[in-house]
């Protein structure tokens, strides 16, 4: 993690060879929901609750075949209080650990930041048109 931290700091410092790193990903778009992984907890954070320019990681991964924890209309309020870390798939737990290790407060994970059930696909329809912006504006894209 130390080497990754060094790379990230270099990109954010606009040091020689990294002048465009920050500006290439700092558009105005921010996802409506992110996971706040600070303070040893995981909870859903709405855009209205965050500092607009706060950096976030984004996870690109393949969903497992069973037991996926997902955001639904019925659990959104509970998820804004707490998401049980140990109930999450290992891939997501690992991505959260990496995010924390890098000192980044937020991460975007599609299964937990897009409503997957209970809204007739409206949230998914909106986000599917914003995927390129979600990934383009993150500070770091984690792939698993």
C-alpha atoms as a PDB file:
ATOM      1  CA  UNK A   1       0.000   0.000   0.000  1.00  0.00           C
ATOM      2  CA  UNK A   2       2.901   2.341   0.607  1.00  0.00           C
ATOM      3  CA  UNK A   3       3.834   2.372  -3.088  1.00  0.00           C
ATOM      4  CA  UNK A   4       0.219   2.973  -4.142  1.00  0.00           C
ATOM      5  CA  UNK A   5       0.033   5.863  -1.671  1.00  0.00           C
ATOM      6  CA  UNK A   6       3.181   7.369  -3.204  1.00  0.00           C
ATOM      7  CA  UNK A   7       1.772   7.069  -6.725  1.00  0.00           C
ATOM      8  CA  UNK A   8      -1.503   8.676  -5.686  1.00  0.00           C
ATOM      9  CA  UNK A   9       0.285  11.541  -3.945  1.00  0.00           C
ATOM     10  CA  UNK A  10       2.397  12.163  -7.050  1.00  0.00           C
ATOM     11  CA  UNK A  11      -0.698  12.296  -9.234  1.00  0.00           C
ATOM     12  CA  UNK A  12      -2.397  14.730  -6.871  1.00  0.00           C
ATOM     13  CA  UNK A  13       0.627  17.007  -6.537  1.00  0.00           C
ATOM     14  CA  UNK A  14       0.858  17.927 -10.241  1.00  0.00           C
ATOM     15  CA  UNK A  15       4.513  16.914 -10.198  1.00  0.00           C
ATOM     16  CA  UNK A  16       6.313  16.643 -13.567  1.00  0.00           C
ATOM     17  CA  UNK A  17       4.555  14.123 -15.757  1.00  0.00           C
ATOM     18  CA  UNK A  18       1.365  14.321 -13.676  1.00  0.00           C
ATOM     19  CA  UNK A  19       0.116  17.807 -14.553  1.00  0.00           C
ATOM     20  CA  UNK A  20      -3.088  16.475 -16.114  1.00  0.00           C
ATOM     21  CA  UNK A  21      -3.909  13.787 -13.549  1.00  0.00           C
ATOM     22  CA  UNK A  22      -6.171  15.919 -11.386  1.00  0.00           C
ATOM     23  CA  UNK A  23      -7.806  17.988 -14.104  1.00  0.00           C
ATOM     24  CA  UNK A  24      -8.660  14.937 -16.200  1.00  0.00           C
ATOM     25  CA  UNK A  25     -10.925  13.532 -13.493  1.00  0.00           C
ATOM     26  CA  UNK A  26     -12.327  16.590 -11.764  1.00  0.00           C
ATOM     27  CA  UNK A  27     -15.578  17.190 -13.575  1.00  0.00           C
ATOM     28  CA  UNK A  28     -18.634  18.533 -11.839  1.00  0.00           C
ATOM     29  CA  UNK A  29     -20.439  15.192 -11.676  1.00  0.00           C
ATOM     30  CA  UNK A  30     -20.614  13.343  -8.365  1.00  0.00           C
ATOM     31  CA  UNK A  31     -22.627  10.148  -7.867  1.00  0.00           C
ATOM     32  CA  UNK A  32     -25.861  10.618  -5.910  1.00  0.00           C
ATOM     33  CA  UNK A  33     -24.725   7.932  -3.455  1.00  0.00           C
ATOM     34  CA  UNK A  34     -21.327   6.817  -2.192  1.00  0.00           C
ATOM     35  CA  UNK A  35     -20.255   4.545   0.630  1.00  0.00           C
ATOM     36  CA  UNK A  36     -18.671   6.413   3.526  1.00  0.00           C
ATOM     37  CA  UNK A  37     -16.032   4.044   4.907  1.00  0.00           C
ATOM     38  CA  UNK A  38     -14.557   6.388   7.517  1.00  0.00           C
ATOM     39  CA  UNK A  39     -14.570   5.761  11.240  1.00  0.00           C
ATOM     40  CA  UNK A  40     -14.507   1.976  11.006  1.00  0.00           C
ATOM     41  CA  UNK A  41     -18.060   1.765   9.657  1.00  0.00           C
ATOM     42  CA  UNK A  42     -19.652   1.491   6.235  1.00  0.00           C
ATOM     43  CA  UNK A  43     -22.741   3.530   5.465  1.00  0.00           C
ATOM     44  CA  UNK A  44     -24.517   4.979   2.479  1.00  0.00           C
ATOM     45  CA  UNK A  45     -23.897   8.700   2.026  1.00  0.00           C
ATOM     46  CA  UNK A  46     -26.190  10.856  -0.073  1.00  0.00           C
ATOM     47  CA  UNK A  47     -24.782  13.625  -2.249  1.00  0.00           C
ATOM     48  CA  UNK A  48     -26.523  16.255  -0.109  1.00  0.00           C
ATOM     49  CA  UNK A  49     -24.546  15.053   2.946  1.00  0.00           C
ATOM     50  CA  UNK A  50     -21.074  15.336   1.392  1.00  0.00           C
ATOM     51  CA  UNK A  51     -18.544  17.963   0.525  1.00  0.00           C
ATOM     52  CA  UNK A  52     -18.923  18.245  -3.241  1.00  0.00           C
ATOM     53  CA  UNK A  53     -15.271  17.790  -4.221  1.00  0.00           C
ATOM     54  CA  UNK A  54     -14.429  15.017  -1.759  1.00  0.00           C
ATOM     55  CA  UNK A  55     -12.520  12.312  -3.691  1.00  0.00           C
ATOM     56  CA  UNK A  56     -13.862   8.793  -4.067  1.00  0.00           C
ATOM     57  CA  UNK A  57     -12.720   5.425  -5.380  1.00  0.00           C
ATOM     58  CA  UNK A  58     -14.871   3.373  -7.743  1.00  0.00           C
ATOM     59  CA  UNK A  59     -14.945  -0.419  -7.829  1.00  0.00           C
ATOM     60  CA  UNK A  60     -15.230  -2.308 -11.098  1.00  0.00           C
ATOM     61  CA  UNK A  61     -15.853  -5.998 -10.452  1.00  0.00           C
ATOM     62  CA  UNK A  62     -17.875  -9.049 -11.379  1.00  0.00           C
ATOM     63  CA  UNK A  63     -20.790  -9.793  -9.080  1.00  0.00           C
ATOM     64  CA  UNK A  64     -20.832 -13.213  -7.464  1.00  0.00           C
ATOM     65  CA  UNK A  65     -23.564 -15.735  -8.168  1.00  0.00           C
ATOM     66  CA  UNK A  66     -25.239 -15.805  -4.765  1.00  0.00           C
ATOM     67  CA  UNK A  67     -25.787 -13.892  -1.569  1.00  0.00           C
ATOM     68  CA  UNK A  68     -25.062 -10.445  -2.983  1.00  0.00           C
ATOM     69  CA  UNK A  69     -25.912  -7.596  -0.610  1.00  0.00           C
ATOM     70  CA  UNK A  70     -27.730  -4.970  -2.674  1.00  0.00           C
ATOM     71  CA  UNK A  71     -29.316  -1.576  -2.186  1.00  0.00           C
ATOM     72  CA  UNK A  72     -33.109  -1.613  -2.400  1.00  0.00           C
ATOM     73  CA  UNK A  73     -35.821   0.933  -1.750  1.00  0.00           C
ATOM     74  CA  UNK A  74     -36.674  -0.905   1.477  1.00  0.00           C
ATOM     75  CA  UNK A  75     -33.134  -0.942   2.954  1.00  0.00           C
ATOM     76  CA  UNK A  76     -31.843   2.453   1.772  1.00  0.00           C
ATOM     77  CA  UNK A  77     -32.637   4.188   5.064  1.00  0.00           C
ATOM     78  CA  UNK A  78     -30.990   1.399   7.098  1.00  0.00           C
ATOM     79  CA  UNK A  79     -27.934   1.475   4.829  1.00  0.00           C
ATOM     80  CA  UNK A  80     -27.560   5.194   5.517  1.00  0.00           C
ATOM     81  CA  UNK A  81     -26.982   4.246   9.163  1.00  0.00           C
ATOM     82  CA  UNK A  82     -24.842   1.129   8.756  1.00  0.00           C
ATOM     83  CA  UNK A  83     -24.001  -1.631   6.313  1.00  0.00           C
ATOM     84  CA  UNK A  84     -22.676  -4.734   8.029  1.00  0.00           C
ATOM     85  CA  UNK A  85     -19.089  -5.031   6.778  1.00  0.00           C
ATOM     86  CA  UNK A  86     -18.833  -8.791   7.332  1.00  0.00           C
ATOM     87  CA  UNK A  87     -22.030  -9.404   5.331  1.00  0.00           C
ATOM     88  CA  UNK A  88     -20.421  -7.919   2.215  1.00  0.00           C
ATOM     89  CA  UNK A  89     -18.691 -10.101  -0.380  1.00  0.00           C
ATOM     90  CA  UNK A  90     -14.930 -10.394   0.056  1.00  0.00           C
ATOM     91  CA  UNK A  91     -14.248  -8.393  -3.109  1.00  0.00           C
ATOM     92  CA  UNK A  92     -16.148  -5.405  -1.727  1.00  0.00           C
ATOM     93  CA  UNK A  93     -14.584  -5.772   1.740  1.00  0.00           C
ATOM     94  CA  UNK A  94     -11.124  -5.818   0.147  1.00  0.00           C
ATOM     95  CA  UNK A  95     -11.924  -2.710  -1.922  1.00  0.00           C
ATOM     96  CA  UNK A  96     -13.106  -0.924   1.227  1.00  0.00           C
ATOM     97  CA  UNK A  97      -9.889  -1.919   3.007  1.00  0.00           C
ATOM     98  CA  UNK A  98      -7.802  -0.533   0.124  1.00  0.00           C
ATOM     99  CA  UNK A  99      -9.832   2.689   0.098  1.00  0.00           C
ATOM    100  CA  UNK A 100      -9.281   3.136   3.825  1.00  0.00           C
ATOM    101  CA  UNK A 101      -5.567   2.300   3.527  1.00  0.00           C
ATOM    102  CA  UNK A 102      -5.197   5.078   0.966  1.00  0.00           C
ATOM    103  CA  UNK A 103      -6.883   7.567   3.294  1.00  0.00           C
ATOM    104  CA  UNK A 104      -9.904   7.996   1.025  1.00  0.00           C
ATOM    105  CA  UNK A 105     -13.261   8.373   2.733  1.00  0.00           C
ATOM    106  CA  UNK A 106     -15.654   7.321  -0.046  1.00  0.00           C
ATOM    107  CA  UNK A 107     -16.061   4.472  -2.511  1.00  0.00           C
ATOM    108  CA  UNK A 108     -18.656   3.859  -5.209  1.00  0.00           C
ATOM    109  CA  UNK A 109     -19.871   0.258  -5.619  1.00  0.00           C
ATOM    110  CA  UNK A 110     -22.742  -0.297  -8.051  1.00  0.00           C
ATOM    111  CA  UNK A 111     -24.583  -2.948  -6.019  1.00  0.00           C
ATOM    112  CA  UNK A 112     -24.660  -0.664  -2.970  1.00  0.00           C
ATOM    113  CA  UNK A 113     -24.925   2.776  -4.583  1.00  0.00           C
ATOM    114  CA  UNK A 114     -27.603   2.094  -7.205  1.00  0.00           C
ATOM    115  CA  UNK A 115     -31.067   0.945  -6.142  1.00  0.00           C
ATOM    116  CA  UNK A 116     -31.305  -2.588  -7.504  1.00  0.00           C
ATOM    117  CA  UNK A 117     -34.892  -3.398  -6.536  1.00  0.00           C
ATOM    118  CA  UNK A 118     -38.159  -1.669  -5.698  1.00  0.00           C
ATOM    119  CA  UNK A 119     -38.183   1.385  -7.972  1.00  0.00           C
ATOM    120  CA  UNK A 120     -39.057  -0.207 -11.327  1.00  0.00           C
ATOM    121  CA  UNK A 121     -35.512   0.276 -12.587  1.00  0.00           C
ATOM    122  CA  UNK A 122     -35.599   4.089 -12.478  1.00  0.00           C
ATOM    123  CA  UNK A 123     -32.381   4.472 -10.476  1.00  0.00           C
ATOM    124  CA  UNK A 124     -30.554   1.936 -12.637  1.00  0.00           C
ATOM    125  CA  UNK A 125     -31.753   3.682 -15.808  1.00  0.00           C
ATOM    126  CA  UNK A 126     -30.368   6.997 -14.572  1.00  0.00           C
ATOM    127  CA  UNK A 127     -27.026   5.549 -13.434  1.00  0.00           C
ATOM    128  CA  UNK A 128     -26.513   3.505 -16.594  1.00  0.00           C
ATOM    129  CA  UNK A 129     -26.236   6.787 -18.498  1.00  0.00           C
ATOM    130  CA  UNK A 130     -23.746   8.160 -15.952  1.00  0.00           C
ATOM    131  CA  UNK A 131     -21.283   5.240 -15.677  1.00  0.00           C
ATOM    132  CA  UNK A 132     -18.596   6.930 -17.742  1.00  0.00           C
ATOM    133  CA  UNK A 133     -18.807  10.017 -15.518  1.00  0.00           C
ATOM    134  CA  UNK A 134     -18.742   7.953 -12.322  1.00  0.00           C
ATOM    135  CA  UNK A 135     -15.519   6.233 -13.355  1.00  0.00           C
ATOM    136  CA  UNK A 136     -13.958   9.288 -15.030  1.00  0.00           C
ATOM    137  CA  UNK A 137     -14.351  11.474 -11.949  1.00  0.00           C
ATOM    138  CA  UNK A 138     -13.124   9.052  -9.294  1.00  0.00           C
ATOM    139  CA  UNK A 139      -9.667   9.535  -7.833  1.00  0.00           C
ATOM    140  CA  UNK A 140      -8.905   5.831  -8.276  1.00  0.00           C
ATOM    141  CA  UNK A 141     -10.610   2.973 -10.084  1.00  0.00           C
ATOM    142  CA  UNK A 142     -10.188  -0.365  -8.337  1.00  0.00           C
ATOM    143  CA  UNK A 143     -10.657  -3.437 -10.549  1.00  0.00           C
ATOM    144  CA  UNK A 144     -11.227  -6.915  -9.197  1.00  0.00           C
END
